[in-house]
Amino acid sequence: MSKNKLSLIVGFTAFFLANIHSAQAQSISVSRQAAEQEIKRFAHDLAQQHQFDEKQVFNTLSKLQPRKDIIARISKPAESLPWYRYRKIWMKEKRIDQGVVFWKQHQETLTRAAETYGVDPAIIVAIIGVETFYGKQQGSFPVIEALHTLAFYYPKRATFFEKELTEYFLLARQQNWTLSQIKGSYAGAMGMGQFISSSYRRYAVDFNQDGQINLFSDPVDMIGSVANYFARHRWQNGGFVTSKIEPTKAQRALAQSELELAHTPASLAEFGVTTDAIAAASKRAGIFAFELDNQSEEYWLVGDNFYSITRYNHNAMYALAVYQLSEAIKARRSRR
């Protein structure tokens, strides 16, 4: 190898490593001192509002180290991918097959949940399939560490995660958990359905009536809790979710980016966008465009139930992936 080529490689390597170290250094933008001031305020508020020991809360949180890997993960979630790549993550043969297996194993519970809450069993199965591969991948991050990092070292969403940290302290006290024992996602979501702390407290149910709510290893409680979540977010039994359309150029202009549905079936009908299903079973309507790998887009007409799915994860791609997985599981199950 020539001396010039060697120098070039060494220089490029040094540049590459320097940029990695620079990115890592920038990943934690809040000083330890500033974070500790916020922790001190948080501990005081938690003690005043919810009767926790202020000193104990401060000592627990101030001993934790912020995690760069958590900042890195939340800064680039799967939802930042284009649709054609995002879809491939969830629409795998194994995930569909395992969804059929999960449904068969828990058919009685899913039927009871559907009857109790009026929620499509296929949607319940698909949610658990997308979130944790039917309970097999629940996350390895200590929830207290995830919420500590995001509440005090991630200013972009500090308000939200500080509220979730409060909810986690309350939840741990209710459930008699040790704060450090519970593990979940990098964002502090827990269990087979990845409920954040506030959702665990508000929507989790003891569906098997054994006196405790367990969303980690009890699929009965998890199925009931997912169904309750959707019922509380206005899922309509038999309602319209979504269908693919081939819009005209004028109709494409109706596509929206905000999740709140921008139209009604009647207002879309004025532009020639009509389906009997949405007119009969949805008060609101919308059109979303999703990016394909040939630099084109596909368009989906959506209704109230699609919006309900976005309440679980505030992203239209997520909702479409859950729906498509649910339909694939349902179709495969019907053939067996």
C-alpha atoms as a PDB file:
ATOM      1  CA  MET A   1       0.000   0.000   0.000  1.00  0.00           C
ATOM      2  CA  SER A   2       1.344   3.435  -0.927  1.00  0.00           C
ATOM      3  CA  LYS A   3       2.170   5.968   1.734  1.00  0.00           C
ATOM      4  CA  ASN A   4      -0.371   8.415   0.311  1.00  0.00           C
ATOM      5  CA  LYS A   5      -3.148   5.801   0.331  1.00  0.00           C
ATOM      6  CA  LEU A   6      -2.287   4.788   3.894  1.00  0.00           C
ATOM      7  CA  SER A   7      -2.382   8.425   4.986  1.00  0.00           C
ATOM      8  CA  LEU A   8      -5.755   8.849   3.282  1.00  0.00           C
ATOM      9  CA  ILE A   9      -7.208   5.801   5.069  1.00  0.00           C
ATOM     10  CA  VAL A  10      -5.818   6.899   8.424  1.00  0.00           C
ATOM     11  CA  GLY A  11      -7.147  10.399   7.891  1.00  0.00           C
ATOM     12  CA  PHE A  12     -10.591   9.159   6.871  1.00  0.00           C
ATOM     13  CA  THR A  13     -10.728   6.816   9.878  1.00  0.00           C
ATOM     14  CA  ALA A  14      -9.779   9.623  12.233  1.00  0.00           C
ATOM     15  CA  PHE A  15     -12.402  11.867  10.660  1.00  0.00           C
ATOM     16  CA  PHE A  16     -15.049   9.128  10.927  1.00  0.00           C
ATOM     17  CA  LEU A  17     -14.245   8.392  14.571  1.00  0.00           C
ATOM     18  CA  ALA A  18     -14.141  12.083  15.415  1.00  0.00           C
ATOM     19  CA  ASN A  19     -17.619  12.531  13.998  1.00  0.00           C
ATOM     20  CA  ILE A  20     -18.902   9.542  15.960  1.00  0.00           C
ATOM     21  CA  HIS A  21     -17.441  10.937  19.178  1.00  0.00           C
ATOM     22  CA  SER A  22     -18.825  14.382  18.338  1.00  0.00           C
ATOM     23  CA  ALA A  23     -22.317  12.949  17.764  1.00  0.00           C
ATOM     24  CA  GLN A  24     -22.102  11.021  21.009  1.00  0.00           C
ATOM     25  CA  ALA A  25     -20.938  14.099  22.891  1.00  0.00           C
ATOM     26  CA  GLN A  26     -23.837  16.143  21.499  1.00  0.00           C
ATOM     27  CA  SER A  27     -26.400  13.480  22.338  1.00  0.00           C
ATOM     28  CA  ILE A  28     -26.589  14.688  25.966  1.00  0.00           C
ATOM     29  CA  SER A  29     -27.100  18.446  25.706  1.00  0.00           C
ATOM     30  CA  VAL A  30     -28.147  19.129  29.308  1.00  0.00           C
ATOM     31  CA  SER A  31     -25.529  19.575  31.991  1.00  0.00           C
ATOM     32  CA  ARG A  32     -25.566  17.388  35.061  1.00  0.00           C
ATOM     33  CA  GLN A  33     -25.936  20.458  37.260  1.00  0.00           C
ATOM     34  CA  ALA A  34     -28.965  21.720  35.326  1.00  0.00           C
ATOM     35  CA  ALA A  35     -30.537  18.265  35.420  1.00  0.00           C
ATOM     36  CA  GLU A  36     -30.054  17.987  39.164  1.00  0.00           C
ATOM     37  CA  GLN A  37     -31.873  21.276  39.672  1.00  0.00           C
ATOM     38  CA  GLU A  38     -34.800  19.885  37.714  1.00  0.00           C
ATOM     39  CA  ILE A  39     -34.667  16.649  39.690  1.00  0.00           C
ATOM     40  CA  LYS A  40     -34.698  18.637  42.931  1.00  0.00           C
ATOM     41  CA  ARG A  41     -37.812  20.511  41.778  1.00  0.00           C
ATOM     42  CA  PHE A  42     -39.441  17.268  40.605  1.00  0.00           C
ATOM     43  CA  ALA A  43     -38.796  15.558  43.952  1.00  0.00           C
ATOM     44  CA  HIS A  44     -40.281  18.502  45.837  1.00  0.00           C
ATOM     45  CA  ASP A  45     -43.404  18.552  43.636  1.00  0.00           C
ATOM     46  CA  LEU A  46     -43.873  14.790  43.901  1.00  0.00           C
ATOM     47  CA  ALA A  47     -43.620  14.991  47.679  1.00  0.00           C
ATOM     48  CA  GLN A  48     -46.044  17.898  47.909  1.00  0.00           C
ATOM     49  CA  GLN A  49     -48.623  16.547  45.486  1.00  0.00           C
ATOM     50  CA  HIS A  50     -48.438  12.803  46.106  1.00  0.00           C
ATOM     51  CA  GLN A  51     -46.886  12.374  49.556  1.00  0.00           C
ATOM     52  CA  PHE A  52     -43.595  10.774  48.520  1.00  0.00           C
ATOM     53  CA  ASP A  53     -40.410  11.152  50.544  1.00  0.00           C
ATOM     54  CA  GLU A  54     -38.691  14.121  48.851  1.00  0.00           C
ATOM     55  CA  LYS A  55     -35.168  13.190  49.891  1.00  0.00           C
ATOM     56  CA  GLN A  56     -35.624   9.575  48.817  1.00  0.00           C
ATOM     57  CA  VAL A  57     -36.958  10.582  45.391  1.00  0.00           C
ATOM     58  CA  PHE A  58     -34.071  12.982  44.848  1.00  0.00           C
ATOM     59  CA  ASN A  59     -31.470  10.427  45.919  1.00  0.00           C
ATOM     60  CA  THR A  60     -32.997   7.751  43.671  1.00  0.00           C
ATOM     61  CA  LEU A  61     -32.995   9.939  40.567  1.00  0.00           C
ATOM     62  CA  SER A  62     -29.767  11.867  41.115  1.00  0.00           C
ATOM     63  CA  LYS A  63     -27.789   8.620  41.329  1.00  0.00           C
ATOM     64  CA  LEU A  64     -28.856   7.577  37.849  1.00  0.00           C
ATOM     65  CA  GLN A  65     -26.714   8.324  34.801  1.00  0.00           C
ATOM     66  CA  PRO A  66     -28.283   9.662  31.595  1.00  0.00           C
ATOM     67  CA  ARG A  67     -28.183   7.074  28.826  1.00  0.00           C
ATOM     68  CA  LYS A  68     -26.919   8.147  25.423  1.00  0.00           C
ATOM     69  CA  ASP A  69     -28.342   5.043  23.797  1.00  0.00           C
ATOM     70  CA  ILE A  70     -31.845   6.089  24.852  1.00  0.00           C
ATOM     71  CA  ILE A  71     -31.372   9.596  23.424  1.00  0.00           C
ATOM     72  CA  ALA A  72     -30.077   8.059  20.192  1.00  0.00           C
ATOM     73  CA  ARG A  73     -33.043   5.683  19.908  1.00  0.00           C
ATOM     74  CA  ILE A  74     -35.733   8.272  20.518  1.00  0.00           C
ATOM     75  CA  SER A  75     -34.054  10.705  18.139  1.00  0.00           C
ATOM     76  CA  LYS A  76     -34.443   8.250  15.271  1.00  0.00           C
ATOM     77  CA  PRO A  77     -37.524   6.042  15.760  1.00  0.00           C
ATOM     78  CA  ALA A  78     -38.806   3.547  13.188  1.00  0.00           C
ATOM     79  CA  GLU A  79     -41.536   6.047  12.315  1.00  0.00           C
ATOM     80  CA  SER A  80     -38.883   8.271  10.715  1.00  0.00           C
ATOM     81  CA  LEU A  81     -38.557   5.715   7.900  1.00  0.00           C
ATOM     82  CA  PRO A  82     -40.529   6.054   4.647  1.00  0.00           C
ATOM     83  CA  TRP A  83     -43.674   3.921   4.461  1.00  0.00           C
ATOM     84  CA  TYR A  84     -42.313   1.308   2.059  1.00  0.00           C
ATOM     85  CA  ARG A  85     -39.480   0.530   4.485  1.00  0.00           C
ATOM     86  CA  TYR A  86     -41.545   0.878   7.653  1.00  0.00           C
ATOM     87  CA  ARG A  87     -44.172  -1.563   6.350  1.00  0.00           C
ATOM     88  CA  LYS A  88     -41.583  -4.303   5.794  1.00  0.00           C
ATOM     89  CA  ILE A  89     -40.696  -4.322   9.492  1.00  0.00           C
ATOM     90  CA  TRP A  90     -44.167  -5.502  10.471  1.00  0.00           C
ATOM     91  CA  MET A  91     -45.505  -7.416   7.474  1.00  0.00           C
ATOM     92  CA  LYS A  92     -43.257 -10.449   7.795  1.00  0.00           C
ATOM     93  CA  GLU A  93     -44.479 -14.012   7.350  1.00  0.00           C
ATOM     94  CA  LYS A  94     -43.369 -15.024  10.833  1.00  0.00           C
ATOM     95  CA  ARG A  95     -45.273 -12.170  12.464  1.00  0.00           C
ATOM     96  CA  ILE A  96     -48.418 -13.110  10.552  1.00  0.00           C
ATOM     97  CA  ASP A  97     -48.052 -16.816  11.381  1.00  0.00           C
ATOM     98  CA  GLN A  98     -47.400 -16.116  15.042  1.00  0.00           C
ATOM     99  CA  GLY A  99     -50.462 -13.882  15.096  1.00  0.00           C
ATOM    100  CA  VAL A 100     -52.583 -16.822  13.974  1.00  0.00           C
ATOM    101  CA  VAL A 101     -51.001 -18.962  16.693  1.00  0.00           C
ATOM    102  CA  PHE A 102     -51.594 -16.278  19.355  1.00  0.00           C
ATOM    103  CA  TRP A 103     -55.231 -15.960  18.293  1.00  0.00           C
ATOM    104  CA  LYS A 104     -55.737 -19.719  18.510  1.00  0.00           C
ATOM    105  CA  GLN A 105     -54.115 -19.886  21.945  1.00  0.00           C
ATOM    106  CA  HIS A 106     -56.259 -17.067  23.337  1.00  0.00           C
ATOM    107  CA  GLN A 107     -59.421 -17.371  21.262  1.00  0.00           C
ATOM    108  CA  GLU A 108     -61.752 -17.539  24.252  1.00  0.00           C
ATOM    109  CA  THR A 109     -60.252 -14.407  25.812  1.00  0.00           C
ATOM    110  CA  LEU A 110     -60.270 -12.511  22.513  1.00  0.00           C
ATOM    111  CA  THR A 111     -63.912 -13.418  21.945  1.00  0.00           C
ATOM    112  CA  ARG A 112     -64.819 -12.244  25.442  1.00  0.00           C
ATOM    113  CA  ALA A 113     -62.878  -9.001  24.957  1.00  0.00           C
ATOM    114  CA  ALA A 114     -64.671  -8.380  21.663  1.00  0.00           C
ATOM    115  CA  GLU A 115     -68.041  -8.964  23.308  1.00  0.00           C
ATOM    116  CA  THR A 116     -67.188  -6.838  26.346  1.00  0.00           C
ATOM    117  CA  TYR A 117     -65.589  -3.869  24.599  1.00  0.00           C
ATOM    118  CA  GLY A 118     -66.777  -4.124  20.987  1.00  0.00           C
ATOM    119  CA  VAL A 119     -63.258  -4.238  19.552  1.00  0.00           C
ATOM    120  CA  ASP A 120     -62.156  -6.379  16.599  1.00  0.00           C
ATOM    121  CA  PRO A 121     -60.017  -9.294  17.903  1.00  0.00           C
ATOM    122  CA  ALA A 122     -57.748  -8.971  14.866  1.00  0.00           C
ATOM    123  CA  ILE A 123     -56.822  -5.418  15.894  1.00  0.00           C
ATOM    124  CA  ILE A 124     -56.034  -6.556  19.443  1.00  0.00           C
ATOM    125  CA  VAL A 125     -53.785  -9.342  18.126  1.00  0.00           C
ATOM    126  CA  ALA A 126     -52.066  -7.025  15.647  1.00  0.00           C
ATOM    127  CA  ILE A 127     -51.339  -4.396  18.308  1.00  0.00           C
ATOM    128  CA  ILE A 128     -49.623  -6.965  20.533  1.00  0.00           C
ATOM    129  CA  GLY A 129     -47.849  -8.361  17.473  1.00  0.00           C
ATOM    130  CA  VAL A 130     -46.477  -4.994  16.421  1.00  0.00           C
ATOM    131  CA  GLU A 131     -45.585  -3.866  19.920  1.00  0.00           C
ATOM    132  CA  THR A 132     -43.774  -6.917  21.295  1.00  0.00           C
ATOM    133  CA  PHE A 133     -44.063  -9.815  18.822  1.00  0.00           C
ATOM    134  CA  TYR A 134     -46.821 -11.306  20.983  1.00  0.00           C
ATOM    135  CA  GLY A 135     -45.036 -10.677  24.254  1.00  0.00           C
ATOM    136  CA  LYS A 136     -41.631 -12.031  23.256  1.00  0.00           C
ATOM    137  CA  GLN A 137     -39.828  -8.665  22.938  1.00  0.00           C
ATOM    138  CA  GLN A 138     -40.917  -6.407  25.776  1.00  0.00           C
ATOM    139  CA  GLY A 139     -37.749  -4.322  26.044  1.00  0.00           C
ATOM    140  CA  SER A 140     -34.628  -4.407  28.173  1.00  0.00           C
ATOM    141  CA  PHE A 141     -34.385  -0.810  29.402  1.00  0.00           C
ATOM    142  CA  PRO A 142     -35.104  -0.196  33.099  1.00  0.00           C
ATOM    143  CA  VAL A 143     -38.148   2.066  32.960  1.00  0.00           C
ATOM    144  CA  ILE A 144     -36.821   4.349  35.675  1.00  0.00           C
ATOM    145  CA  GLU A 145     -33.624   4.916  33.678  1.00  0.00           C
ATOM    146  CA  ALA A 146     -35.524   5.586  30.454  1.00  0.00           C
ATOM    147  CA  LEU A 147     -37.867   8.106  32.054  1.00  0.00           C
ATOM    148  CA  HIS A 148     -35.068   9.746  34.052  1.00  0.00           C
ATOM    149  CA  THR A 149     -33.046  10.275  30.870  1.00  0.00           C
ATOM    150  CA  LEU A 150     -35.945  11.592  28.823  1.00  0.00           C
ATOM    151  CA  ALA A 151     -37.439  13.779  31.545  1.00  0.00           C
ATOM    152  CA  PHE A 152     -34.210  15.555  32.470  1.00  0.00           C
ATOM    153  CA  TYR A 153     -31.840  15.183  29.499  1.00  0.00           C
ATOM    154  CA  TYR A 154     -34.152  15.411  26.476  1.00  0.00           C
ATOM    155  CA  PRO A 155     -35.571  18.954  26.454  1.00  0.00           C
ATOM    156  CA  LYS A 156     -37.594  18.364  23.274  1.00  0.00           C
ATOM    157  CA  ARG A 157     -40.103  16.207  25.162  1.00  0.00           C
ATOM    158  CA  ALA A 158     -39.164  16.817  28.771  1.00  0.00           C
ATOM    159  CA  THR A 159     -42.642  17.934  29.828  1.00  0.00           C
ATOM    160  CA  PHE A 160     -44.281  14.769  28.537  1.00  0.00           C
ATOM    161  CA  PHE A 161     -41.726  12.422  30.061  1.00  0.00           C
ATOM    162  CA  GLU A 162     -41.676  14.219  33.400  1.00  0.00           C
ATOM    163  CA  LYS A 163     -45.418  13.562  33.602  1.00  0.00           C
ATOM    164  CA  GLU A 164     -44.791   9.921  32.742  1.00  0.00           C
ATOM    165  CA  LEU A 165     -42.121   9.744  35.439  1.00  0.00           C
ATOM    166  CA  THR A 166     -44.666  10.992  37.954  1.00  0.00           C
ATOM    167  CA  GLU A 167     -47.113   8.373  36.689  1.00  0.00           C
ATOM    168  CA  TYR A 168     -44.442   5.692  37.034  1.00  0.00           C
ATOM    169  CA  PHE A 169     -43.796   6.557  40.682  1.00  0.00           C
ATOM    170  CA  LEU A 170     -47.531   6.365  41.337  1.00  0.00           C
ATOM    171  CA  LEU A 171     -47.887   3.128  39.385  1.00  0.00           C
ATOM    172  CA  ALA A 172     -44.967   1.491  41.176  1.00  0.00           C
ATOM    173  CA  ARG A 173     -46.488   2.417  44.517  1.00  0.00           C
ATOM    174  CA  GLN A 174     -49.888   1.033  43.480  1.00  0.00           C
ATOM    175  CA  GLN A 175     -48.421  -2.200  42.157  1.00  0.00           C
ATOM    176  CA  ASN A 176     -45.861  -2.546  44.967  1.00  0.00           C
ATOM    177  CA  TRP A 177     -42.980  -2.593  42.470  1.00  0.00           C
ATOM    178  CA  THR A 178     -39.378  -1.752  43.199  1.00  0.00           C
ATOM    179  CA  LEU A 179     -38.656   1.216  40.931  1.00  0.00           C
ATOM    180  CA  SER A 180     -35.629  -0.424  39.338  1.00  0.00           C
ATOM    181  CA  GLN A 181     -37.179  -3.832  38.699  1.00  0.00           C
ATOM    182  CA  ILE A 182     -39.452  -3.038  35.726  1.00  0.00           C
ATOM    183  CA  LYS A 183     -38.034  -3.102  32.201  1.00  0.00           C
ATOM    184  CA  GLY A 184     -39.524  -1.894  28.964  1.00  0.00           C
ATOM    185  CA  SER A 185     -38.824   0.149  25.847  1.00  0.00           C
ATOM    186  CA  TYR A 186     -36.378   3.031  25.466  1.00  0.00           C
ATOM    187  CA  ALA A 187     -39.390   5.345  25.947  1.00  0.00           C
ATOM    188  CA  GLY A 188     -40.549   3.674  29.152  1.00  0.00           C
ATOM    189  CA  ALA A 189     -43.391   1.598  27.656  1.00  0.00           C
ATOM    190  CA  MET A 190     -44.133  -1.681  29.436  1.00  0.00           C
ATOM    191  CA  GLY A 191     -45.623  -5.103  29.018  1.00  0.00           C
ATOM    192  CA  MET A 192     -46.950  -7.148  26.122  1.00  0.00           C
ATOM    193  CA  GLY A 193     -48.848  -4.155  24.744  1.00  0.00           C
ATOM    194  CA  GLN A 194     -46.227  -1.531  25.667  1.00  0.00           C
ATOM    195  CA  PHE A 195     -48.374   0.712  27.836  1.00  0.00           C
ATOM    196  CA  ILE A 196     -46.730   3.865  29.088  1.00  0.00           C
ATOM    197  CA  SER A 197     -47.208   4.537  32.788  1.00  0.00           C
ATOM    198  CA  SER A 198     -50.216   6.823  32.406  1.00  0.00           C
ATOM    199  CA  SER A 199     -51.949   4.312  30.113  1.00  0.00           C
ATOM    200  CA  TYR A 200     -51.195   1.474  32.527  1.00  0.00           C
ATOM    201  CA  ARG A 201     -52.895   3.408  35.314  1.00  0.00           C
ATOM    202  CA  ARG A 202     -55.900   4.531  33.236  1.00  0.00           C
ATOM    203  CA  TYR A 203     -56.653   1.652  30.889  1.00  0.00           C
ATOM    204  CA  ALA A 204     -55.155  -1.574  32.275  1.00  0.00           C
ATOM    205  CA  VAL A 205     -57.781  -3.988  33.584  1.00  0.00           C
ATOM    206  CA  ASP A 206     -57.822  -7.157  35.662  1.00  0.00           C
ATOM    207  CA  PHE A 207     -59.539  -9.121  32.887  1.00  0.00           C
ATOM    208  CA  ASN A 208     -59.058 -12.532  34.518  1.00  0.00           C
ATOM    209  CA  GLN A 209     -60.267 -11.163  37.880  1.00  0.00           C
ATOM    210  CA  ASP A 210     -57.430 -12.641  39.919  1.00  0.00           C
ATOM    211  CA  GLY A 211     -57.023  -9.495  42.014  1.00  0.00           C
ATOM    212  CA  GLN A 212     -54.012  -8.048  40.206  1.00  0.00           C
ATOM    213  CA  ILE A 213     -53.226  -6.382  36.892  1.00  0.00           C
ATOM    214  CA  ASN A 214     -50.292  -8.004  35.122  1.00  0.00           C
ATOM    215  CA  LEU A 215     -49.500  -6.805  31.602  1.00  0.00           C
ATOM    216  CA  PHE A 216     -46.106  -8.520  31.475  1.00  0.00           C
ATOM    217  CA  SER A 217     -46.853 -12.231  31.633  1.00  0.00           C
ATOM    218  CA  ASP A 218     -50.640 -12.450  31.709  1.00  0.00           C
ATOM    219  CA  PRO A 219     -52.059 -12.331  28.175  1.00  0.00           C
ATOM    220  CA  VAL A 220     -55.618 -12.303  29.529  1.00  0.00           C
ATOM    221  CA  ASP A 221     -55.074  -8.995  31.313  1.00  0.00           C
ATOM    222  CA  MET A 222     -53.170  -7.650  28.305  1.00  0.00           C
ATOM    223  CA  ILE A 223     -55.889  -8.562  25.799  1.00  0.00           C
ATOM    224  CA  GLY A 224     -58.572  -7.023  27.994  1.00  0.00           C
ATOM    225  CA  SER A 225     -56.485  -3.912  28.545  1.00  0.00           C
ATOM    226  CA  VAL A 226     -55.828  -3.326  24.836  1.00  0.00           C
ATOM    227  CA  ALA A 227     -59.541  -3.775  24.138  1.00  0.00           C
ATOM    228  CA  ASN A 228     -60.413  -1.343  26.936  1.00  0.00           C
ATOM    229  CA  TYR A 229     -57.906   1.172  25.564  1.00  0.00           C
ATOM    230  CA  PHE A 230     -59.583   1.110  22.162  1.00  0.00           C
ATOM    231  CA  ALA A 231     -63.078   1.269  23.606  1.00  0.00           C
ATOM    232  CA  ARG A 232     -62.071   4.311  25.670  1.00  0.00           C
ATOM    233  CA  HIS A 233     -60.692   5.895  22.488  1.00  0.00           C
ATOM    234  CA  ARG A 234     -64.022   5.504  20.687  1.00  0.00           C
ATOM    235  CA  TRP A 235     -63.441   2.427  18.569  1.00  0.00           C
ATOM    236  CA  GLN A 236     -66.711   1.638  16.802  1.00  0.00           C
ATOM    237  CA  ASN A 237     -67.683  -2.018  16.529  1.00  0.00           C
ATOM    238  CA  GLY A 238     -67.966  -2.786  12.815  1.00  0.00           C
ATOM    239  CA  GLY A 239     -66.861   0.737  11.924  1.00  0.00           C
ATOM    240  CA  PHE A 240     -64.799   1.749   8.925  1.00  0.00           C
ATOM    241  CA  VAL A 241     -61.008   1.709   9.259  1.00  0.00           C
ATOM    242  CA  THR A 242     -59.438   2.335   5.856  1.00  0.00           C
ATOM    243  CA  SER A 243     -59.393   1.362   2.187  1.00  0.00           C
ATOM    244  CA  LYS A 244     -56.951   2.059  -0.601  1.00  0.00           C
ATOM    245  CA  ILE A 245     -58.147   4.472  -3.283  1.00  0.00           C
ATOM    246  CA  GLU A 246     -56.938   5.726  -6.666  1.00  0.00           C
ATOM    247  CA  PRO A 247     -57.622   9.447  -6.432  1.00  0.00           C
ATOM    248  CA  THR A 248     -57.670  11.989  -9.198  1.00  0.00           C
ATOM    249  CA  LYS A 249     -55.158  14.820  -9.151  1.00  0.00           C
ATOM    250  CA  ALA A 250     -57.726  17.093  -7.519  1.00  0.00           C
ATOM    251  CA  GLN A 251     -58.539  14.467  -4.894  1.00  0.00           C
ATOM    252  CA  ARG A 252     -54.857  13.991  -4.043  1.00  0.00           C
ATOM    253  CA  ALA A 253     -54.799  17.587  -2.879  1.00  0.00           C
ATOM    254  CA  LEU A 254     -57.143  16.544  -0.068  1.00  0.00           C
ATOM    255  CA  ALA A 255     -54.446  14.354   1.542  1.00  0.00           C
ATOM    256  CA  GLN A 256     -53.594  15.497   5.047  1.00  0.00           C
ATOM    257  CA  SER A 257     -50.586  15.333   7.337  1.00  0.00           C
ATOM    258  CA  GLU A 258     -52.306  16.020  10.672  1.00  0.00           C
ATOM    259  CA  LEU A 259     -53.858  13.001  12.380  1.00  0.00           C
ATOM    260  CA  GLU A 260     -57.130  14.721  13.307  1.00  0.00           C
ATOM    261  CA  LEU A 261     -59.419  13.755  10.437  1.00  0.00           C
ATOM    262  CA  ALA A 262     -59.999  16.794   8.265  1.00  0.00           C
ATOM    263  CA  HIS A 263     -63.180  15.840   6.419  1.00  0.00           C
ATOM    264  CA  THR A 264     -66.579  14.183   6.659  1.00  0.00           C
ATOM    265  CA  PRO A 265     -67.862  11.528   4.259  1.00  0.00           C
ATOM    266  CA  ALA A 266     -70.208  14.168   2.857  1.00  0.00           C
ATOM    267  CA  SER A 267     -67.473  16.749   2.251  1.00  0.00           C
ATOM    268  CA  LEU A 268     -65.307  14.161   0.496  1.00  0.00           C
ATOM    269  CA  ALA A 269     -68.284  13.079  -1.607  1.00  0.00           C
ATOM    270  CA  GLU A 270     -68.417  16.628  -2.996  1.00  0.00           C
ATOM    271  CA  PHE A 271     -65.017  15.909  -4.513  1.00  0.00           C
ATOM    272  CA  GLY A 272     -66.135  12.528  -5.822  1.00  0.00           C
ATOM    273  CA  VAL A 273     -64.513  10.452  -3.065  1.00  0.00           C
ATOM    274  CA  THR A 274     -67.204   8.021  -1.919  1.00  0.00           C
ATOM    275  CA  THR A 275     -67.547   4.563  -0.426  1.00  0.00           C
ATOM    276  CA  ASP A 276     -70.677   3.071   1.075  1.00  0.00           C
ATOM    277  CA  ALA A 277     -68.651   1.693   3.993  1.00  0.00           C
ATOM    278  CA  ILE A 278     -67.379   5.031   5.242  1.00  0.00           C
ATOM    279  CA  ALA A 279     -70.662   6.861   4.681  1.00  0.00           C
ATOM    280  CA  ALA A 280     -72.495   4.317   6.816  1.00  0.00           C
ATOM    281  CA  ALA A 281     -69.934   3.789   9.567  1.00  0.00           C
ATOM    282  CA  SER A 282     -67.806   6.887  10.191  1.00  0.00           C
ATOM    283  CA  LYS A 283     -68.548  10.473  11.195  1.00  0.00           C
ATOM    284  CA  ARG A 284     -65.151  11.818  10.150  1.00  0.00           C
ATOM    285  CA  ALA A 285     -62.920  10.948   7.216  1.00  0.00           C
ATOM    286  CA  GLY A 286     -59.491  11.649   5.845  1.00  0.00           C
ATOM    287  CA  ILE A 287     -57.047  10.799   3.100  1.00  0.00           C
ATOM    288  CA  PHE A 288     -53.396   9.967   3.745  1.00  0.00           C
ATOM    289  CA  ALA A 289     -50.584   9.544   1.240  1.00  0.00           C
ATOM    290  CA  PHE A 290     -47.842   6.977   1.912  1.00  0.00           C
ATOM    291  CA  GLU A 291     -44.460   6.951   0.187  1.00  0.00           C
ATOM    292  CA  LEU A 292     -43.542   4.071  -2.120  1.00  0.00           C
ATOM    293  CA  ASP A 293     -40.069   3.035  -3.275  1.00  0.00           C
ATOM    294  CA  ASN A 294     -40.591   4.197  -6.867  1.00  0.00           C
ATOM    295  CA  GLN A 295     -40.923   7.844  -5.788  1.00  0.00           C
ATOM    296  CA  SER A 296     -44.696   7.642  -6.045  1.00  0.00           C
ATOM    297  CA  GLU A 297     -47.375   7.481  -3.345  1.00  0.00           C
ATOM    298  CA  GLU A 298     -50.372   5.353  -2.485  1.00  0.00           C
ATOM    299  CA  TYR A 299     -53.515   6.888  -1.027  1.00  0.00           C
ATOM    300  CA  TRP A 300     -55.769   5.551   1.704  1.00  0.00           C
ATOM    301  CA  LEU A 301     -59.213   6.751   2.676  1.00  0.00           C
ATOM    302  CA  VAL A 302     -59.605   6.477   6.455  1.00  0.00           C
ATOM    303  CA  GLY A 303     -62.363   6.778   9.041  1.00  0.00           C
ATOM    304  CA  ASP A 304     -62.892   7.105  12.777  1.00  0.00           C
ATOM    305  CA  ASN A 305     -61.488   3.675  13.627  1.00  0.00           C
ATOM    306  CA  PHE A 306     -58.236   4.516  11.851  1.00  0.00           C
ATOM    307  CA  TYR A 307     -57.990   7.590  14.059  1.00  0.00           C
ATOM    308  CA  SER A 308     -58.584   5.370  17.109  1.00  0.00           C
ATOM    309  CA  ILE A 309     -55.525   3.305  16.180  1.00  0.00           C
ATOM    310  CA  THR A 310     -53.438   6.488  16.041  1.00  0.00           C
ATOM    311  CA  ARG A 311     -54.330   7.106  19.689  1.00  0.00           C
ATOM    312  CA  TYR A 312     -52.170   4.086  20.548  1.00  0.00           C
ATOM    313  CA  ASN A 313     -49.228   5.519  18.616  1.00  0.00           C
ATOM    314  CA  HIS A 314     -49.609   8.973  17.129  1.00  0.00           C
ATOM    315  CA  ASN A 315     -48.517   8.085  13.614  1.00  0.00           C
ATOM    316  CA  ALA A 316     -50.512   7.306  10.456  1.00  0.00           C
ATOM    317  CA  MET A 317     -47.944   4.752   9.246  1.00  0.00           C
ATOM    318  CA  TYR A 318     -48.303   2.888  12.523  1.00  0.00           C
ATOM    319  CA  ALA A 319     -52.078   2.778  12.171  1.00  0.00           C
ATOM    320  CA  LEU A 320     -51.896   1.483   8.603  1.00  0.00           C
ATOM    321  CA  ALA A 321     -49.307  -1.147   9.550  1.00  0.00           C
ATOM    322  CA  VAL A 322     -51.492  -2.390  12.422  1.00  0.00           C
ATOM    323  CA  TYR A 323     -54.528  -2.547  10.146  1.00  0.00           C
ATOM    324  CA  GLN A 324     -52.697  -4.380   7.367  1.00  0.00           C
ATOM    325  CA  LEU A 325     -51.201  -6.864   9.819  1.00  0.00           C
ATOM    326  CA  SER A 326     -54.630  -7.455  11.351  1.00  0.00           C
ATOM    327  CA  GLU A 327     -56.122  -8.147   7.932  1.00  0.00           C
ATOM    328  CA  ALA A 328     -53.264 -10.504   6.998  1.00  0.00           C
ATOM    329  CA  ILE A 329     -53.662 -12.448  10.262  1.00  0.00           C
ATOM    330  CA  LYS A 330     -57.425 -12.624   9.815  1.00  0.00           C
ATOM    331  CA  ALA A 331     -57.082 -13.881   6.233  1.00  0.00           C
ATOM    332  CA  ARG A 332     -54.507 -16.525   7.107  1.00  0.00           C
ATOM    333  CA  ARG A 333     -56.523 -17.694  10.081  1.00  0.00           C
ATOM    334  CA  SER A 334     -59.598 -18.163   7.867  1.00  0.00           C
ATOM    335  CA  ARG A 335     -57.640 -20.513   5.589  1.00  0.00           C
ATOM    336  CA  ARG A 336     -56.592 -22.840   8.390  1.00  0.00           C
END
